[in-house]
Protein backbone atom coordinates (compact mmCIF):
# COMPACT_ATOMS: atom_id res chain seq x y z
CA MET A 1 -5.59 38.93 13.68
CA THR A 2 -6.60 39.00 10.02
CA SER A 3 -3.68 36.79 9.04
CA ASP A 4 -4.67 34.26 11.73
CA VAL A 5 -8.22 34.14 10.36
CA THR A 6 -6.92 33.79 6.81
CA LEU A 7 -4.61 30.94 7.77
CA ARG A 8 -7.40 29.15 9.63
CA ARG A 9 -9.65 29.43 6.60
CA GLN A 10 -6.89 28.10 4.38
CA LEU A 11 -6.36 25.12 6.67
CA LEU A 12 -10.07 24.23 6.83
CA ARG A 13 -11.27 25.08 3.31
CA ARG A 14 -12.73 22.15 1.47
CA LYS A 15 -12.94 21.29 -2.18
CA PRO A 16 -16.49 20.87 -3.50
CA VAL A 17 -17.28 17.28 -4.42
CA GLY A 18 -18.29 18.41 -7.90
CA ALA A 19 -14.86 20.02 -8.41
CA LEU A 20 -12.86 16.91 -7.52
CA GLN A 21 -13.10 15.48 -11.01
CA GLY A 22 -10.00 16.33 -13.01
CA GLY A 23 -9.62 17.60 -16.52
CA GLY A 24 -9.66 14.20 -18.20
CA GLU A 25 -5.92 14.16 -18.92
CA LEU A 26 -5.52 10.55 -17.77
CA ARG A 27 -6.99 7.88 -20.04
CA ARG A 28 -9.68 5.41 -18.91
CA THR A 29 -8.19 2.12 -20.05
CA VAL A 30 -8.44 -0.17 -16.98
CA GLY A 31 -11.32 -2.66 -16.53
CA LEU A 32 -12.64 -4.58 -13.51
CA PHE A 33 -10.45 -7.68 -13.85
CA GLN A 34 -7.28 -5.64 -14.38
CA LEU A 35 -8.13 -3.33 -11.47
CA THR A 36 -8.76 -6.30 -9.16
CA MET A 37 -5.39 -7.69 -10.24
CA ILE A 38 -3.84 -4.31 -9.37
CA GLY A 39 -5.25 -4.63 -5.85
CA ILE A 40 -4.04 -8.21 -5.47
CA GLY A 41 -0.71 -7.36 -7.07
CA ALA A 42 -0.10 -4.50 -4.63
CA THR A 43 -0.87 -6.71 -1.65
CA ILE A 44 0.16 -10.33 -2.05
CA GLY A 45 3.91 -10.53 -2.01
CA THR A 46 4.73 -8.06 0.73
CA GLY A 47 3.00 -9.89 3.58
CA ILE A 48 3.67 -13.45 2.52
CA PHE A 49 6.93 -13.75 0.65
CA PHE A 50 9.04 -12.19 3.40
CA THR A 51 7.04 -10.69 6.31
CA LEU A 52 6.58 -14.08 8.00
CA ASP A 53 10.32 -14.10 8.66
CA SER A 54 9.99 -11.02 10.88
CA ALA A 55 6.40 -11.40 12.16
CA VAL A 56 6.50 -15.04 13.35
CA PRO A 57 9.29 -14.35 15.93
CA GLU A 58 7.03 -11.63 17.38
CA ALA A 59 3.86 -13.71 17.74
CA GLY A 60 4.78 -17.37 17.22
CA PRO A 61 2.16 -19.56 15.47
CA ALA A 62 -0.44 -16.97 16.54
CA VAL A 63 0.81 -14.88 13.63
CA VAL A 64 -2.23 -16.40 11.89
CA LEU A 65 -4.39 -14.31 14.23
CA SER A 66 -2.23 -11.27 13.45
CA PHE A 67 -3.12 -11.65 9.79
CA VAL A 68 -6.78 -12.09 10.74
CA ILE A 69 -6.70 -8.85 12.75
CA GLY A 70 -5.09 -7.11 9.79
CA ALA A 71 -7.70 -8.61 7.47
CA VAL A 72 -10.61 -7.52 9.67
CA THR A 73 -9.22 -3.99 9.83
CA ALA A 74 -8.70 -4.01 6.07
CA ALA A 75 -12.21 -5.40 5.49
CA LEU A 76 -13.85 -2.66 7.55
CA THR A 77 -11.80 -0.04 5.74
CA ALA A 78 -12.43 -1.66 2.35
CA LEU A 79 -16.16 -1.07 2.74
CA CYS A 80 -15.46 2.60 3.51
CA TYR A 81 -13.11 2.88 0.53
CA ALA A 82 -15.74 1.29 -1.69
CA GLU A 83 -18.35 3.91 -0.75
CA LEU A 84 -16.05 6.89 -1.18
CA ALA A 85 -14.52 5.53 -4.38
CA SER A 86 -18.00 5.08 -5.89
CA ALA A 87 -19.05 8.59 -4.81
CA VAL A 88 -15.82 10.40 -5.73
CA PRO A 89 -14.25 8.32 -8.58
CA VAL A 90 -11.05 10.32 -9.02
CA SER A 91 -7.31 9.85 -8.59
CA GLY A 92 -5.84 10.69 -5.22
CA SER A 93 -7.49 8.09 -3.02
CA SER A 94 -7.86 9.15 0.64
CA TYR A 95 -6.18 12.48 -0.13
CA SER A 96 -9.08 13.47 -2.40
CA TYR A 97 -11.64 12.11 0.04
CA ALA A 98 -10.13 14.12 2.91
CA TYR A 99 -10.13 17.28 0.76
CA ALA A 100 -13.92 17.00 0.40
CA THR A 101 -14.62 16.19 4.05
CA LEU A 102 -11.90 17.32 6.47
CA GLY A 103 -10.34 20.33 4.76
CA GLU A 104 -7.19 21.29 2.88
CA PHE A 105 -4.57 20.82 5.57
CA ALA A 106 -5.96 17.46 6.71
CA ALA A 107 -5.96 16.34 3.08
CA TYR A 108 -2.42 17.62 2.63
CA ALA A 109 -1.24 15.69 5.71
CA VAL A 110 -2.97 12.55 4.43
CA GLY A 111 -1.28 13.07 1.07
CA TRP A 112 2.10 13.13 2.76
CA CYS A 113 1.18 9.96 4.67
CA LEU A 114 0.34 8.32 1.37
CA LEU A 115 3.62 9.47 -0.18
CA LEU A 116 5.46 7.97 2.78
CA GLU A 117 3.39 4.80 2.58
CA TYR A 118 4.03 4.20 -1.11
CA ALA A 119 7.67 5.29 -1.27
CA VAL A 120 8.72 3.33 1.79
CA SER A 121 6.72 0.21 0.94
CA GLY A 122 8.09 0.22 -2.60
CA ALA A 123 11.60 0.36 -1.20
CA ALA A 124 10.85 -2.36 1.37
CA ILE A 125 9.52 -4.73 -1.27
CA ALA A 126 12.48 -4.04 -3.54
CA VAL A 127 14.84 -4.88 -0.66
CA SER A 128 13.09 -8.21 -0.05
CA TRP A 129 13.17 -9.04 -3.75
CA GLY A 130 16.94 -9.38 -3.51
CA GLN A 131 16.53 -12.20 -0.96
CA TYR A 132 14.64 -14.40 -3.40
CA LEU A 133 16.90 -13.39 -6.27
CA ASN A 134 19.89 -14.63 -4.29
CA ASP A 135 18.06 -17.82 -3.36
CA LEU A 136 17.22 -18.42 -7.03
CA THR A 137 20.78 -17.84 -8.30
CA GLU A 138 22.09 -20.11 -5.55
CA ARG A 139 19.76 -22.93 -6.58
CA LEU A 140 20.33 -22.48 -10.31
CA PHE A 141 24.00 -21.54 -10.56
CA GLY A 142 25.50 -22.16 -7.12
CA PHE A 143 26.39 -18.55 -6.35
CA GLN A 144 24.90 -15.46 -4.73
CA LEU A 145 25.50 -11.76 -5.25
CA PRO A 146 28.13 -10.39 -2.87
CA GLN A 147 26.56 -9.16 0.38
CA ALA A 148 28.17 -5.76 -0.12
CA VAL A 149 25.95 -5.05 -3.16
CA ALA A 150 22.91 -7.16 -2.18
CA ALA A 151 22.00 -5.62 1.21
CA PRO A 152 21.63 -2.06 2.54
CA PRO A 153 23.75 -0.54 5.33
CA GLY A 154 22.70 -1.94 8.69
CA ALA A 155 21.89 -5.30 7.12
CA GLY A 156 25.41 -6.45 6.33
CA GLY A 157 26.00 -4.62 3.06
CA TRP A 158 26.93 -1.29 1.51
CA VAL A 159 24.16 -0.84 -1.06
CA ASN A 160 21.19 -2.92 -2.23
CA LEU A 161 21.86 -2.81 -5.95
CA PRO A 162 19.18 -5.34 -7.06
CA GLY A 163 16.45 -3.38 -5.27
CA ALA A 164 17.48 -0.08 -6.86
CA VAL A 165 17.62 -1.62 -10.35
CA LEU A 166 14.17 -3.20 -9.90
CA VAL A 167 12.61 0.17 -8.99
CA LEU A 168 14.09 1.88 -12.03
CA LEU A 169 12.91 -0.87 -14.40
CA CYS A 170 9.37 -0.66 -13.02
CA CYS A 171 9.37 3.10 -13.56
CA LEU A 172 10.37 2.60 -17.19
CA LEU A 173 7.36 0.32 -17.64
CA LEU A 174 5.01 2.81 -15.95
CA VAL A 175 6.13 5.54 -18.34
CA ARG A 176 4.88 3.40 -21.24
CA GLY A 177 1.25 3.72 -20.05
CA ALA A 178 -1.32 2.45 -17.54
CA LYS A 179 -2.82 -0.15 -19.90
CA GLN A 180 0.54 -1.79 -20.63
CA SER A 181 1.49 -1.72 -16.94
CA ALA A 182 -1.86 -3.27 -15.94
CA LEU A 183 -1.42 -6.07 -18.49
CA VAL A 184 2.07 -6.96 -17.25
CA ASN A 185 0.84 -6.78 -13.66
CA THR A 186 -2.05 -9.15 -14.41
CA VAL A 187 0.28 -11.80 -15.83
CA MET A 188 2.63 -11.55 -12.83
CA VAL A 189 -0.25 -11.74 -10.34
CA LEU A 190 -1.52 -14.95 -11.92
CA VAL A 191 2.00 -16.39 -11.65
CA LYS A 192 2.12 -15.33 -8.01
CA LEU A 193 -1.19 -16.99 -7.15
CA ALA A 194 -0.08 -20.21 -8.85
CA VAL A 195 3.18 -20.23 -6.89
CA LEU A 196 1.44 -19.66 -3.56
CA ALA A 197 -1.08 -22.39 -4.38
CA LEU A 198 1.92 -24.70 -4.91
CA PHE A 199 3.23 -23.71 -1.47
CA VAL A 200 -0.11 -24.43 0.23
CA VAL A 201 -0.55 -27.83 -1.44
CA VAL A 202 3.04 -29.05 -1.00
CA GLY A 203 3.61 -27.41 2.38
CA ALA A 204 0.44 -28.96 3.80
CA THR A 205 2.02 -32.41 3.39
CA GLY A 206 4.55 -31.40 6.07
CA PHE A 207 1.98 -29.90 8.45
CA HIS A 208 2.44 -31.00 12.08
CA ALA A 209 0.02 -29.84 14.77
CA ALA A 210 2.87 -29.97 17.31
CA ASN A 211 4.46 -26.98 15.59
CA LEU A 212 1.46 -24.88 16.69
CA HIS A 213 2.33 -25.33 20.38
CA PRO A 214 2.77 -23.06 22.22
CA PHE A 215 0.34 -21.15 20.02
CA ALA A 216 0.92 -17.66 21.42
CA PRO A 217 4.29 -17.69 23.24
CA MET A 218 4.42 -13.87 23.34
CA GLY A 219 0.81 -13.45 24.42
CA ALA A 220 -1.67 -10.87 23.19
CA ALA A 221 1.04 -8.20 23.04
CA GLY A 222 2.99 -10.27 20.54
CA ILE A 223 -0.08 -10.85 18.37
CA GLY A 224 -0.79 -7.11 18.33
CA ALA A 225 2.82 -6.20 17.55
CA ALA A 226 2.94 -8.68 14.67
CA ALA A 227 -0.39 -7.40 13.36
CA SER A 228 1.04 -3.86 13.29
CA THR A 229 4.11 -5.13 11.43
CA VAL A 230 2.26 -7.10 8.76
CA PHE A 231 -0.49 -4.57 8.17
CA PHE A 232 1.51 -2.71 5.53
CA SER A 233 0.90 -5.72 3.32
CA PHE A 234 -2.73 -4.60 2.92
CA ILE A 235 -1.70 -1.47 1.02
CA GLY A 236 -3.33 -2.83 -2.15
CA LEU A 237 -6.74 -1.46 -1.19
CA ASP A 238 -5.47 2.09 -1.36
CA ALA A 239 -3.68 1.40 -4.63
CA VAL A 240 -6.98 0.42 -6.27
CA SER A 241 -8.58 3.74 -5.41
CA THR A 242 -5.66 5.75 -6.81
CA ALA A 243 -6.73 4.60 -10.29
CA GLY A 244 -10.09 6.38 -10.14
CA GLU A 245 -9.54 8.46 -13.28
CA GLU A 246 -8.12 5.63 -15.41
CA VAL A 247 -10.91 3.10 -14.76
CA LYS A 248 -13.84 2.32 -17.03
CA ASN A 249 -17.22 2.80 -15.31
CA PRO A 250 -15.56 3.78 -11.99
CA ARG A 251 -18.72 3.87 -9.85
CA ARG A 252 -19.23 0.15 -10.37
CA THR A 253 -15.67 -0.99 -11.01
CA LEU A 254 -13.91 0.60 -8.01
CA PRO A 255 -16.00 -0.92 -5.18
CA LEU A 256 -16.15 -4.35 -6.85
CA ALA A 257 -12.37 -4.40 -7.37
CA ILE A 258 -11.64 -3.30 -3.79
CA ILE A 259 -13.86 -5.95 -2.21
CA GLY A 260 -12.81 -8.68 -4.65
CA ALA A 261 -9.11 -8.02 -4.07
CA LEU A 262 -9.58 -8.11 -0.29
CA LEU A 263 -11.38 -11.47 -0.36
CA VAL A 264 -8.64 -13.10 -2.45
CA VAL A 265 -5.82 -11.57 -0.42
CA THR A 266 -7.27 -12.54 2.96
CA ALA A 267 -7.83 -16.16 1.94
CA VAL A 268 -4.29 -16.48 0.57
CA TYR A 269 -2.64 -14.81 3.58
CA VAL A 270 -4.36 -16.96 6.19
CA LEU A 271 -3.79 -20.20 4.27
CA VAL A 272 -0.11 -19.56 3.62
CA ALA A 273 0.55 -18.37 7.19
CA LEU A 274 -1.20 -21.43 8.66
CA VAL A 275 0.67 -23.87 6.43
CA GLY A 276 3.97 -22.06 7.09
CA VAL A 277 3.82 -22.20 10.90
CA GLY A 278 2.45 -25.76 10.75
CA ALA A 279 5.27 -27.03 8.53
CA GLN A 280 8.15 -25.44 10.47
CA PRO A 281 8.78 -24.65 14.17
CA TRP A 282 8.12 -20.97 14.82
CA THR A 283 11.62 -20.55 16.31
CA ALA A 284 13.15 -21.36 12.90
CA PHE A 285 11.72 -18.23 11.25
CA GLY A 286 14.03 -15.73 12.93
CA GLY A 287 16.79 -14.56 10.59
CA GLN A 288 15.54 -16.82 7.80
CA GLU A 289 15.69 -15.43 4.26
CA ALA A 290 13.44 -16.56 1.39
CA GLY A 291 11.44 -18.38 4.09
CA LEU A 292 8.73 -19.99 1.97
CA SER A 293 11.30 -21.50 -0.36
CA ALA A 294 13.26 -22.88 2.61
CA ILE A 295 10.10 -24.43 4.08
CA LEU A 296 9.30 -26.30 0.85
CA THR A 297 12.83 -27.61 0.66
CA ARG A 298 12.60 -28.84 4.26
CA VAL A 299 9.19 -30.48 3.74
CA THR A 300 9.98 -32.29 0.50
CA GLY A 301 13.69 -32.90 0.84
CA ALA A 302 13.93 -31.92 -2.82
CA GLY A 303 15.13 -28.74 -4.48
CA TRP A 304 12.57 -28.27 -7.26
CA PRO A 305 9.62 -26.93 -5.17
CA GLY A 306 11.84 -24.29 -3.57
CA LEU A 307 13.30 -23.45 -6.97
CA LEU A 308 9.83 -22.91 -8.47
CA LEU A 309 8.73 -20.78 -5.54
CA SER A 310 11.83 -18.58 -5.66
CA ALA A 311 11.46 -18.13 -9.42
CA GLY A 312 7.80 -17.24 -8.97
CA ALA A 313 8.63 -14.83 -6.15
CA VAL A 314 11.30 -13.07 -8.23
CA LEU A 315 8.74 -12.50 -10.98
CA SER A 316 5.68 -11.76 -8.89
CA ILE A 317 7.20 -9.39 -6.33
CA VAL A 318 7.94 -7.16 -9.32
CA SER A 319 4.17 -6.63 -9.62
CA VAL A 320 3.99 -5.26 -6.07
CA VAL A 321 6.71 -2.69 -6.74
CA LEU A 322 5.05 -1.80 -10.04
CA VAL A 323 1.65 -1.10 -8.46
CA VAL A 324 3.07 0.75 -5.45
CA LEU A 325 5.04 3.09 -7.71
CA TYR A 326 1.93 3.53 -9.86
CA GLY A 327 -0.07 4.59 -6.81
CA GLN A 328 2.53 7.09 -5.66
CA THR A 329 2.80 8.81 -9.03
CA ARG A 330 -1.01 9.23 -9.11
CA ILE A 331 -1.07 10.73 -5.62
CA LEU A 332 1.63 13.21 -6.66
CA TYR A 333 -0.30 13.94 -9.87
CA THR A 334 -3.48 14.78 -7.98
CA MET A 335 -1.76 16.91 -5.33
CA SER A 336 0.10 18.80 -8.04
CA ARG A 337 -3.13 19.39 -9.96
CA ASP A 338 -4.56 20.96 -6.79
CA GLY A 339 -1.51 23.24 -6.47
CA MET A 340 -0.24 21.45 -3.37
CA LEU A 341 2.99 20.42 -5.10
CA PRO A 342 4.97 21.83 -8.06
CA GLU A 343 3.49 21.52 -11.55
CA LEU A 344 6.23 19.05 -12.54
CA PHE A 345 4.28 16.15 -11.02
CA ARG A 346 1.14 16.73 -13.10
CA ARG A 347 2.77 16.99 -16.52
CA VAL A 348 1.40 14.18 -18.69
CA GLY A 349 3.31 12.81 -21.67
CA PRO A 350 1.38 13.34 -24.92
CA ARG A 351 2.12 9.86 -26.27
CA SER A 352 1.83 7.73 -23.11
CA GLY A 353 -0.84 9.69 -21.26
CA THR A 354 1.13 9.19 -18.02
CA PRO A 355 2.93 11.62 -15.66
CA VAL A 356 6.41 10.98 -17.03
CA ALA A 357 8.42 13.56 -15.06
CA GLY A 358 6.72 12.62 -11.78
CA THR A 359 7.43 8.95 -12.40
CA ALA A 360 11.11 9.70 -12.98
CA VAL A 361 11.39 11.64 -9.71
CA VAL A 362 9.59 8.88 -7.78
CA GLY A 363 11.82 6.21 -9.30
CA ALA A 364 14.98 8.02 -8.31
CA LEU A 365 13.89 8.63 -4.70
CA VAL A 366 12.54 5.11 -4.10
CA ALA A 367 15.63 3.57 -5.68
CA VAL A 368 17.81 5.46 -3.19
CA LEU A 369 15.64 4.28 -0.28
CA ALA A 370 15.83 0.68 -1.49
CA ALA A 371 19.59 0.94 -1.83
CA VAL A 372 20.47 2.30 1.61
CA VAL A 373 17.67 1.78 4.21
CA PRO A 374 17.23 -1.50 6.20
CA LEU A 375 14.04 -3.51 5.70
CA ASP A 376 12.62 -3.45 9.25
CA VAL A 377 12.67 0.35 9.40
CA LEU A 378 10.85 0.56 6.07
CA ALA A 379 8.12 -1.92 7.06
CA ASP A 380 7.02 -0.13 10.24
CA LEU A 381 6.96 3.28 8.56
CA THR A 382 4.75 1.87 5.81
CA SER A 383 2.30 0.44 8.35
CA LEU A 384 1.99 3.79 10.10
CA GLY A 385 1.30 5.73 6.90
CA THR A 386 -1.21 3.12 5.72
CA LEU A 387 -3.15 3.06 9.00
CA VAL A 388 -3.44 6.85 9.18
CA ALA A 389 -4.78 6.96 5.61
CA PHE A 390 -7.26 4.14 6.34
CA ALA A 391 -8.57 5.90 9.47
CA VAL A 392 -9.12 9.11 7.50
CA VAL A 393 -11.12 7.26 4.85
CA SER A 394 -13.40 5.79 7.53
CA LEU A 395 -13.93 9.23 9.08
CA GLY A 396 -14.61 10.59 5.60
CA VAL A 397 -17.58 8.23 5.18
CA LEU A 398 -19.13 9.49 8.44
CA ILE A 399 -18.64 13.13 7.50
CA LEU A 400 -19.78 12.84 3.88
CA ARG A 401 -22.97 11.02 4.92
CA ARG A 402 -23.88 14.10 6.99
CA THR A 403 -22.62 16.86 4.72
CA ALA A 404 -23.66 15.41 1.34
CA PRO A 405 -26.48 12.92 2.01
CA ASP A 406 -27.87 13.24 -1.53
CA LEU A 407 -24.57 12.59 -3.30
CA GLU A 408 -24.86 9.70 -5.77
CA ARG A 409 -23.16 6.59 -4.40
CA GLY A 410 -22.64 3.38 -6.33
CA PHE A 411 -22.06 1.52 -3.03
CA ARG A 412 -23.05 2.22 0.59
CA VAL A 413 -21.31 0.87 3.69
CA PRO A 414 -23.61 -1.61 5.43
CA GLY A 415 -24.10 -1.11 9.15
CA HIS A 416 -23.34 2.60 9.06
CA PRO A 417 -22.12 4.21 11.34
CA VAL A 418 -20.89 1.16 13.26
CA VAL A 419 -18.60 -0.17 10.51
CA PRO A 420 -16.66 3.12 9.96
CA LEU A 421 -16.29 3.58 13.73
CA LEU A 422 -14.98 0.02 14.13
CA SER A 423 -12.54 0.66 11.29
CA VAL A 424 -11.16 3.73 13.09
CA ALA A 425 -10.90 1.76 16.35
CA PHE A 426 -9.01 -1.14 14.73
CA CYS A 427 -6.62 1.28 13.01
CA GLY A 428 -5.99 2.97 16.35
CA TYR A 429 -5.23 -0.39 17.98
CA LEU A 430 -2.64 -1.27 15.34
CA LEU A 431 -1.10 2.22 15.47
CA TYR A 432 -0.65 1.77 19.23
CA GLY A 433 1.47 -1.33 18.62
CA LEU A 434 4.10 0.43 16.49
CA PRO A 435 7.57 1.24 17.98
CA VAL A 436 8.31 4.67 19.44
CA ASP A 437 11.19 5.31 17.01
CA THR A 438 8.78 4.82 14.10
CA TRP A 439 6.52 7.50 15.54
CA LEU A 440 9.49 9.84 15.94
CA MET A 441 10.48 9.41 12.27
CA PHE A 442 6.85 9.97 11.30
CA ALA A 443 6.78 13.19 13.36
CA VAL A 444 9.83 14.46 11.48
CA TRP A 445 8.12 13.65 8.17
CA LEU A 446 4.98 15.55 9.18
CA ALA A 447 7.06 18.50 10.40
CA LEU A 448 8.58 18.67 6.91
CA ALA A 449 5.07 18.53 5.45
CA VAL A 450 3.95 21.47 7.61
CA ALA A 451 6.96 23.51 6.50
CA VAL A 452 6.25 22.86 2.81
CA TYR A 453 2.56 23.64 3.24
CA LEU A 454 3.15 26.95 5.00
CA GLY A 455 5.95 28.00 2.66
CA TYR A 456 4.53 26.82 -0.68
CA SER A 457 1.29 24.87 -0.88
CA ARG A 458 -1.21 27.21 0.77
CA HIS A 459 -0.13 30.04 -1.54
CA HIS A 460 -0.29 27.93 -4.73
CA SER A 461 -3.48 26.03 -3.92
CA VAL A 462 -6.01 26.08 -6.75
CA LEU A 463 -8.65 26.99 -4.17
CA GLN A 464 -6.56 30.03 -3.21
CA ARG A 465 -6.50 31.21 -6.82
CA THR A 466 -10.10 30.39 -7.78
CA GLY A 467 -11.92 31.04 -4.52
CA ARG A 468 -14.04 27.89 -4.99
CA ALA A 469 -13.39 26.57 -1.49
CA GLU A 470 -16.17 25.58 0.85
CA ALA A 471 -15.78 26.83 4.39
CA GLY A 472 -19.24 26.06 5.73
CA PRO A 473 -20.65 22.84 7.13
CA VAL A 474 -22.46 21.78 3.97
CA LEU A 475 -20.87 20.36 0.84
CA THR A 476 -22.58 21.26 -2.40
CA GLY A 477 -22.55 19.75 -5.83
CA THR A 478 -22.57 16.17 -6.96
CA ALA A 479 -19.77 14.05 -8.25
CA PRO A 480 -19.68 13.94 -12.03
């Protein structure tokens, strides 16, 4: 009986808000513009440069509505992220927020969802990068990499070598430091936006309203399924909040960067999707690789627009992988600092001020995923992990408003509690649209998480050693 009570207390113990701030090991070097670019960089590229090829066959031209549904869900959640990020400006994102509101085990489960989200999305983006790399080499030099080393098993190849190499190169850059990584990311994001602006302007010249009919050939079910598929492309919001301990003036910078990134991303997604389905029949998207480049070539009858877009995609998709890997290493860092994972992941290099060993482990694992797992499997798993994390953040706002009403907040969600509740409802709708096999793989992942928690994490938790946990209904302390 005593052991049951002890386990229950371990599962439900919460970390005081005032204790969430770390020891200042990470350096605050990132400003508002760079942080907004991190959010845009983590988002634009995944949903536009290759997801249309798989989402349009599911929904037809109504894929535009799928992106709108994803954007509305992301907007509702972005407001919740902005409040929690301004109140608890630390690394760890929704993991840290859940630790203060829902308890240790809920936070631990969210942390594992985030690890799945970042690792799998990083691998998915790296896989897609090879498509545009092949398109670029074909246009420039008249050859492509052999399929055996350019695609994973299940997609016509043996190993996706370009994807694995890209992941490892990004990890080398991350080891150099957050400031250097943010600078490189900013340059690549600006390139990306310029390339997509080129697509919108040139592609619009080939827009034909007839291509939008029938608008929703698969009905509402198809729109919902496509929305679930493309939602992983909104991962950038979470990536912004993982930088809480490396941002200057986080209470102001975090909410502004989250909302600013979402506005830019939503506008770009809807414009590019609308131009894409208007410039090409929706039936032509199935099985198409480097789709945006192919559309420009079809519209203009010339090779240079497609060449520019492929070159821009090769450069700019790198920024997505870079930011996703950055986010995962910071989640691991925070969980390790709390004793949830081995100390290896929180060791910070004295010269770079970054978690070097954790970055190396992440790079190796994500490179393997990129090399051997097909793209469609990776995309759905990423959506599931992202949606679970987003729902937890929205619930966290509701709980923290009740348990810590006097906590200093740099931003408050308007329309509370309606907005957080709508966010949870939209996340639930998109989760419902995911395939059964994705849920089964997710269940296996969570079962592994439970085993690690019971065997390691609950015994090594910092709260277990210090006794600073909160078990009651009221959170005390204020965020530093």
